[in-house]
Amino acid sequence: MAYLIDWNFGILPYFFIAFIFMFISLLRGLIKQTYRCYCYFLSFLGVIAAYSLMSHINCGMSGIARYNVWSAPIMLFGIAIAFNDMPFMSNMTNKLFQNLAHIGVLITTCIILYYGPMFAANTSDIALTPIAKVILNYCPQIYWSLPSTFNCRINHIPGGYDYNLPIIYMDTTTNIRKILVSQNTWDNFIQYVDIKYNNTFIEKLSSKVESWKNPNSPHFISIPFNHKLQLNKEKMLYFFNSKVWDGNFMPDELFSSGTITTLYIQLNKGDFQYGPYITLPPGKYNISITGKNLENIESKITANNGKQSLEIKNLKNSDSCINYQFDLKRLTEQIEFVNLNNGTSSAYIEAIYIE
């Protein structure tokens, strides 16, 4: 089902009107006993069922899944044949469906251009697409995905097949909209929820969780747009790589063009360190980078897969430490701390601390 209805790479968000037309055509074909279009639709669904048997589904698809691109024409041909074989009795109805088809083509074209006509370059295979974000922000009840896809897109982990629960999606105002959790990890989540929120609503969610039969099985919980639910700011959890993060990043949790060991990252001249691609709520943050020979390190902060630069304040470099501050006005994703060695001697980064 993910290849059909996932809001990131499925058929539904890219061919929304055509997808509805397919089911209308199936129903009309059954009523009118005209089955030629069924060959196309069954072929389309059969092809999708066949490649759904593959174990790897999050394989670098930043836009629509490439398999869906190849199989979608079968669905479109089926729709064209259905309307040719079964025209509506009313000319007005025929024109309405023709205009809707034109609107569908326009919507698909706009999505392709907005995401990037070549390889959906304006999106990322480890981040939610704009359509998926809108759905999660305003109507999370109709957001469907596999747990691995949710982990991949929320925590920005390639594939996302291995994960720890709970996994939380928050909108830009830090309101929780979707939770992937099991019965056994629900209490771990609840202890960090801000107590100022409606206890009756939380009790209702807890009752729902208790009704699940398998305590280890992951389930989605949607928080409607008209409800506010946030994590406690004093005990704020940052979910980094699906685990509770304490604000410290060691060398093996970062990335670099230089040499990474368990104790340090070695940056020769021209080498740089980047990552860890975290999500942070609004607030003021203090950064401390410890190591050796750090005087000639050039530091910057980016977000949203490198597309957004964040302002650094009160930057201070010394041999053993780099300190600076930055502010966030809203929930910001894929934050990375970039450090470039402009010196002639090697520099060593031992840790990055965030407060």
Protein backbone atom coordinates (compact mmCIF):
# COMPACT_ATOMS: atom_id res chain seq x y z
CA MET A 1 0.00 0.00 0.00
CA ALA A 2 2.91 2.38 0.64
CA TYR A 3 3.65 2.69 -3.09
CA LEU A 4 0.05 3.76 -3.62
CA ILE A 5 -0.74 6.09 -0.72
CA ASP A 6 2.51 7.25 0.89
CA TRP A 7 2.51 11.08 0.80
CA ASN A 8 6.24 11.17 0.08
CA PHE A 9 6.81 8.76 -2.79
CA GLY A 10 3.44 7.11 -3.50
CA ILE A 11 1.09 7.46 -6.47
CA LEU A 12 -1.55 9.41 -4.53
CA PRO A 13 0.17 12.82 -4.05
CA TYR A 14 1.48 13.01 -7.62
CA PHE A 15 -1.58 11.66 -9.47
CA PHE A 16 -4.31 12.59 -7.01
CA ILE A 17 -7.11 13.20 -9.54
CA ALA A 18 -6.08 10.29 -11.76
CA PHE A 19 -6.04 8.03 -8.69
CA ILE A 20 -9.66 8.97 -7.95
CA PHE A 21 -10.58 8.55 -11.64
CA MET A 22 -9.24 5.00 -11.53
CA PHE A 23 -11.65 3.96 -8.78
CA ILE A 24 -14.54 5.80 -10.48
CA SER A 25 -13.72 3.90 -13.69
CA LEU A 26 -13.59 0.59 -11.84
CA LEU A 27 -17.02 1.22 -10.33
CA ARG A 28 -18.57 2.38 -13.62
CA GLY A 29 -17.07 -0.59 -15.45
CA LEU A 30 -18.66 -2.94 -12.96
CA ILE A 31 -22.05 -1.23 -13.27
CA LYS A 32 -21.96 -1.06 -17.09
CA GLN A 33 -20.26 -4.46 -17.43
CA THR A 34 -17.49 -2.95 -19.52
CA TYR A 35 -14.26 -4.57 -18.46
CA ARG A 36 -11.58 -3.55 -21.00
CA CYS A 37 -10.14 -0.96 -18.62
CA TYR A 38 -9.90 -3.64 -15.93
CA CYS A 39 -6.98 -5.23 -17.79
CA TYR A 40 -4.98 -2.02 -17.39
CA PHE A 41 -5.94 -1.36 -13.80
CA LEU A 42 -5.28 -4.93 -12.70
CA SER A 43 -1.96 -4.84 -14.53
CA PHE A 44 -1.11 -1.56 -12.81
CA LEU A 45 -1.98 -2.89 -9.35
CA GLY A 46 -0.30 -6.21 -10.10
CA VAL A 47 2.98 -4.53 -11.07
CA ILE A 48 2.90 -2.48 -7.87
CA ALA A 49 2.17 -5.61 -5.83
CA ALA A 50 5.15 -7.32 -7.50
CA TYR A 51 7.73 -4.66 -6.68
CA SER A 52 6.22 -4.22 -3.21
CA LEU A 53 7.68 -7.65 -2.43
CA MET A 54 11.15 -6.08 -2.31
CA SER A 55 12.46 -5.62 1.23
CA HIS A 56 14.08 -2.22 0.59
CA ILE A 57 11.51 0.51 0.02
CA ASN A 58 13.36 3.69 1.13
CA CYS A 59 16.15 3.40 -1.42
CA GLY A 60 17.05 7.01 -2.16
CA MET A 61 13.68 8.20 -3.46
CA SER A 62 13.58 11.97 -2.95
CA GLY A 63 10.41 12.40 -5.03
CA ILE A 64 8.00 9.82 -6.42
CA ALA A 65 9.33 6.27 -6.42
CA ARG A 66 10.94 5.50 -9.76
CA TYR A 67 8.95 2.25 -9.97
CA ASN A 68 5.75 4.30 -9.72
CA VAL A 69 6.94 6.53 -12.56
CA TRP A 70 7.32 3.46 -14.75
CA SER A 71 3.94 1.92 -13.81
CA ALA A 72 1.80 5.11 -13.71
CA PRO A 73 1.28 5.19 -17.54
CA ILE A 74 -0.55 1.85 -17.27
CA MET A 75 -3.06 3.50 -14.93
CA LEU A 76 -3.38 6.56 -17.19
CA PHE A 77 -4.00 4.43 -20.30
CA GLY A 78 -6.66 2.53 -18.35
CA ILE A 79 -8.42 5.79 -17.43
CA ALA A 80 -8.33 7.00 -21.05
CA ILE A 81 -9.80 3.71 -22.31
CA ALA A 82 -12.47 3.75 -19.58
CA PHE A 83 -13.72 7.19 -20.59
CA ASN A 84 -13.59 6.23 -24.26
CA ASP A 85 -15.62 3.07 -23.70
CA MET A 86 -18.00 4.59 -21.14
CA PRO A 87 -18.69 8.27 -21.94
CA PHE A 88 -21.12 10.03 -19.65
CA MET A 89 -24.62 10.66 -20.94
CA SER A 90 -24.41 14.36 -20.12
CA ASN A 91 -22.08 16.60 -22.14
CA MET A 92 -21.68 18.79 -19.05
CA THR A 93 -20.45 15.81 -17.03
CA ASN A 94 -18.03 14.85 -19.82
CA LYS A 95 -16.64 18.39 -19.89
CA LEU A 96 -16.34 18.43 -16.11
CA PHE A 97 -14.23 15.28 -16.12
CA GLN A 98 -12.14 16.57 -19.02
CA ASN A 99 -11.44 19.78 -17.12
CA LEU A 100 -10.58 17.82 -13.98
CA ALA A 101 -8.16 15.76 -16.05
CA HIS A 102 -6.49 18.96 -17.29
CA ILE A 103 -6.28 20.23 -13.70
CA GLY A 104 -4.70 16.92 -12.69
CA VAL A 105 -2.03 17.30 -15.38
CA LEU A 106 -1.37 20.87 -14.19
CA ILE A 107 -1.06 19.78 -10.55
CA THR A 108 1.37 16.97 -11.42
CA THR A 109 3.45 19.36 -13.55
CA CYS A 110 3.60 21.95 -10.76
CA ILE A 111 4.70 19.32 -8.25
CA ILE A 112 7.44 18.08 -10.58
CA LEU A 113 8.72 21.60 -11.21
CA TYR A 114 8.57 22.57 -7.51
CA TYR A 115 10.33 19.42 -6.33
CA GLY A 116 12.89 19.68 -9.12
CA PRO A 117 12.41 18.30 -12.66
CA MET A 118 15.65 16.30 -12.45
CA PHE A 119 15.70 13.72 -9.66
CA ALA A 120 13.47 15.92 -7.44
CA ALA A 121 16.66 17.75 -6.48
CA ASN A 122 14.80 20.31 -4.33
CA THR A 123 13.72 17.59 -1.92
CA SER A 124 15.60 14.86 -0.06
CA ASP A 125 15.17 11.12 0.31
CA ILE A 126 15.67 11.49 4.09
CA ALA A 127 13.24 14.37 4.64
CA LEU A 128 9.49 14.87 4.31
CA THR A 129 8.26 16.31 1.04
CA PRO A 130 6.33 19.62 1.23
CA ILE A 131 3.03 17.82 0.60
CA ALA A 132 3.73 15.32 3.38
CA LYS A 133 4.55 18.17 5.78
CA VAL A 134 1.28 19.95 5.03
CA ILE A 135 -0.66 16.73 5.62
CA LEU A 136 1.14 16.08 8.92
CA ASN A 137 0.75 19.66 10.12
CA TYR A 138 -2.95 20.08 9.39
CA CYS A 139 -4.47 16.62 9.01
CA PRO A 140 -2.13 14.00 10.47
CA GLN A 141 -4.95 11.45 10.58
CA ILE A 142 -4.58 10.85 6.82
CA TYR A 143 -0.81 10.56 6.82
CA TRP A 144 0.07 6.94 6.09
CA SER A 145 3.55 5.44 5.86
CA LEU A 146 5.62 2.47 6.86
CA PRO A 147 7.41 2.79 10.23
CA SER A 148 10.77 2.68 8.42
CA THR A 149 9.73 5.53 6.12
CA PHE A 150 8.52 7.59 9.07
CA ASN A 151 11.85 7.05 10.84
CA CYS A 152 13.80 7.82 7.67
CA ARG A 153 11.94 11.08 6.97
CA ILE A 154 11.62 12.33 10.56
CA ASN A 155 15.06 11.42 11.88
CA HIS A 156 16.83 11.85 8.51
CA ILE A 157 18.33 8.37 8.54
CA PRO A 158 18.91 6.65 5.16
CA GLY A 159 16.59 3.65 4.91
CA GLY A 160 15.33 3.98 8.47
CA TYR A 161 14.88 0.23 8.84
CA ASP A 162 16.40 0.06 12.32
CA TYR A 163 14.70 2.33 14.82
CA ASN A 164 13.96 2.85 18.48
CA LEU A 165 10.59 4.09 19.70
CA PRO A 166 9.02 6.53 20.20
CA ILE A 167 9.51 8.61 17.04
CA ILE A 168 7.86 12.02 17.12
CA TYR A 169 6.90 14.51 14.43
CA MET A 170 6.48 18.11 15.59
CA ASP A 171 5.30 21.06 13.48
CA THR A 172 7.21 24.35 13.33
CA THR A 173 5.53 25.52 16.56
CA THR A 174 6.78 22.34 18.34
CA ASN A 175 3.26 20.91 18.65
CA ILE A 176 3.34 17.12 18.34
CA ARG A 177 1.28 15.91 15.38
CA LYS A 178 2.27 12.26 14.89
CA ILE A 179 3.84 9.64 17.15
CA LEU A 180 5.13 6.19 16.29
CA VAL A 181 5.11 4.30 19.56
CA SER A 182 4.52 0.89 21.10
CA GLN A 183 2.67 -0.01 24.27
CA ASN A 184 5.99 -0.69 26.00
CA THR A 185 7.45 2.73 25.08
CA TRP A 186 4.34 4.84 25.74
CA ASP A 187 5.22 5.55 29.38
CA ASN A 188 8.68 6.71 28.29
CA PHE A 189 6.98 9.25 26.03
CA ILE A 190 4.37 10.41 28.56
CA GLN A 191 6.91 11.35 31.23
CA TYR A 192 8.29 14.08 28.97
CA VAL A 193 4.94 15.59 27.93
CA ASP A 194 4.25 19.08 29.26
CA ILE A 195 1.80 18.67 32.16
CA LYS A 196 -0.03 21.90 31.32
CA TYR A 197 -1.86 20.14 28.50
CA ASN A 198 -5.26 18.51 28.75
CA ASN A 199 -4.91 15.46 30.99
CA THR A 200 -8.24 14.12 29.75
CA PHE A 201 -6.88 14.01 26.20
CA ILE A 202 -3.70 12.26 27.37
CA GLU A 203 -5.76 9.74 29.34
CA LYS A 204 -7.81 9.07 26.21
CA LEU A 205 -4.62 8.39 24.25
CA SER A 206 -3.34 6.13 27.04
CA SER A 207 -6.55 4.11 26.94
CA LYS A 208 -6.12 3.65 23.21
CA VAL A 209 -2.55 2.43 23.73
CA GLU A 210 -3.67 -0.03 26.41
CA SER A 211 -6.08 -1.60 23.93
CA TRP A 212 -3.26 -2.70 21.62
CA LYS A 213 -2.77 -6.46 21.77
CA ASN A 214 0.96 -6.69 20.99
CA PRO A 215 2.95 -4.56 23.47
CA ASN A 216 6.00 -4.45 21.18
CA SER A 217 4.23 -3.66 17.91
CA PRO A 218 4.64 -0.06 16.64
CA HIS A 219 1.49 2.00 16.10
CA PHE A 220 0.82 5.53 14.88
CA ILE A 221 -1.01 8.06 17.04
CA SER A 222 -2.27 11.25 15.41
CA ILE A 223 -2.71 14.48 17.36
CA PRO A 224 -5.45 16.55 15.65
CA PHE A 225 -4.70 20.11 14.57
CA ASN A 226 -7.05 21.54 17.22
CA HIS A 227 -5.08 19.89 20.08
CA LYS A 228 -1.82 21.15 21.54
CA LEU A 229 0.65 18.65 22.87
CA GLN A 230 4.32 19.49 23.47
CA LEU A 231 7.32 18.06 25.24
CA ASN A 232 8.29 19.56 28.58
CA LYS A 233 10.79 22.35 27.92
CA GLU A 234 12.68 21.71 31.16
CA LYS A 235 13.24 18.06 30.26
CA MET A 236 13.22 18.52 26.51
CA LEU A 237 13.99 15.39 24.54
CA TYR A 238 15.77 15.69 21.22
CA PHE A 239 15.27 12.59 19.17
CA PHE A 240 18.51 12.10 17.31
CA ASN A 241 18.86 8.86 15.33
CA SER A 242 15.74 7.57 17.13
CA LYS A 243 17.33 7.80 20.56
CA VAL A 244 17.21 10.22 23.45
CA TRP A 245 20.01 12.74 22.97
CA ASP A 246 21.80 14.48 25.85
CA GLY A 247 23.18 17.43 23.87
CA ASN A 248 26.68 16.02 23.32
CA PHE A 249 28.04 14.86 19.97
CA MET A 250 31.09 12.64 19.85
CA PRO A 251 33.22 12.05 16.72
CA ASP A 252 31.36 8.90 15.68
CA GLU A 253 28.07 10.86 15.64
CA LEU A 254 29.43 13.44 13.17
CA PHE A 255 30.69 13.40 9.59
CA SER A 256 33.87 14.66 8.00
CA SER A 257 36.03 14.73 4.87
CA GLY A 258 38.95 14.09 7.25
CA THR A 259 39.77 11.14 9.48
CA ILE A 260 37.22 10.06 12.12
CA THR A 261 38.26 8.01 15.15
CA THR A 262 36.45 7.26 18.41
CA LEU A 263 38.44 10.02 20.16
CA TYR A 264 38.67 12.84 17.60
CA ILE A 265 38.13 14.05 14.05
CA GLN A 266 41.39 14.99 12.32
CA LEU A 267 41.07 17.88 9.88
CA ASN A 268 44.05 18.52 7.65
CA LYS A 269 44.24 21.74 5.62
CA GLY A 270 41.04 22.08 3.59
CA ASP A 271 39.20 19.26 5.42
CA PHE A 272 35.84 19.95 7.03
CA GLN A 273 33.52 18.41 9.61
CA TYR A 274 29.71 18.49 9.20
CA GLY A 275 26.53 17.05 10.67
CA PRO A 276 24.78 15.80 12.78
CA TYR A 277 21.51 16.86 11.00
CA ILE A 278 19.39 17.32 14.11
CA THR A 279 16.01 18.93 14.73
CA LEU A 280 15.86 21.68 17.36
CA PRO A 281 12.89 23.64 18.78
CA PRO A 282 12.81 27.47 19.06
CA GLY A 283 15.25 28.94 21.54
CA LYS A 284 18.74 30.28 22.19
CA TYR A 285 21.65 27.86 22.00
CA ASN A 286 25.27 27.89 23.15
CA ILE A 287 27.77 25.82 21.20
CA SER A 288 31.12 24.60 22.51
CA ILE A 289 33.52 22.70 20.24
CA THR A 290 36.49 21.16 22.02
CA GLY A 291 39.74 19.86 20.58
CA LYS A 292 43.25 20.99 19.59
CA ASN A 293 44.64 23.57 17.11
CA LEU A 294 41.22 25.14 16.58
CA GLU A 295 42.36 28.78 16.06
CA ASN A 296 42.10 28.60 12.27
CA ILE A 297 38.78 26.75 12.12
CA GLU A 298 36.03 28.54 10.17
CA SER A 299 32.60 27.69 11.65
CA LYS A 300 29.10 28.01 10.24
CA ILE A 301 25.64 26.53 10.84
CA THR A 302 23.22 25.37 8.15
CA ALA A 303 19.74 23.86 8.21
CA ASN A 304 17.27 22.17 5.87
CA ASN A 305 19.86 20.07 4.07
CA GLY A 306 22.28 22.97 3.71
CA LYS A 307 19.78 25.31 2.06
CA GLN A 308 19.52 27.71 5.00
CA SER A 309 22.38 29.52 6.77
CA LEU A 310 21.94 30.44 10.43
CA GLU A 311 23.59 33.47 12.01
CA ILE A 312 26.45 32.84 14.43
CA LYS A 313 26.81 35.26 17.35
CA ASN A 314 29.71 35.97 19.74
CA LEU A 315 32.17 33.67 17.98
CA LYS A 316 35.36 33.01 19.99
CA ASN A 317 38.19 30.77 18.80
CA SER A 318 41.07 29.47 20.90
CA ASP A 319 43.52 26.61 20.60
CA SER A 320 41.32 24.20 22.54
CA CYS A 321 37.76 25.53 22.19
CA ILE A 322 35.32 27.31 19.86
CA ASN A 323 32.31 29.03 21.43
CA TYR A 324 29.35 30.78 19.84
CA GLN A 325 25.58 31.22 20.09
CA PHE A 326 22.67 31.06 17.68
CA ASP A 327 18.90 31.61 17.87
CA LEU A 328 15.97 29.70 16.38
CA LYS A 329 12.54 31.27 15.99
CA ARG A 330 10.82 28.05 14.97
CA LEU A 331 11.36 24.30 14.91
CA THR A 332 14.24 23.75 12.49
CA GLU A 333 15.28 20.50 10.84
CA GLN A 334 18.56 19.04 9.57
CA ILE A 335 20.79 21.43 11.51
CA GLU A 336 24.48 20.83 10.97
CA PHE A 337 27.59 22.42 12.42
CA VAL A 338 30.23 22.88 9.73
CA ASN A 339 33.88 23.44 10.66
CA LEU A 340 36.54 24.03 7.97
CA ASN A 341 40.27 23.95 8.65
CA ASN A 342 41.87 26.98 6.95
CA GLY A 343 45.19 26.51 8.74
CA THR A 344 48.33 24.74 7.54
CA SER A 345 48.53 22.34 10.52
CA SER A 346 46.07 19.60 11.43
CA ALA A 347 43.16 20.43 13.74
CA TYR A 348 41.39 17.94 16.01
CA ILE A 349 37.72 18.07 17.04
CA GLU A 350 36.91 15.97 20.10
CA ALA A 351 33.25 16.88 20.76
CA ILE A 352 30.44 19.35 20.11
CA TYR A 353 28.31 20.40 23.08
CA ILE A 354 24.93 22.15 22.79
CA GLU A 355 23.21 23.92 25.67
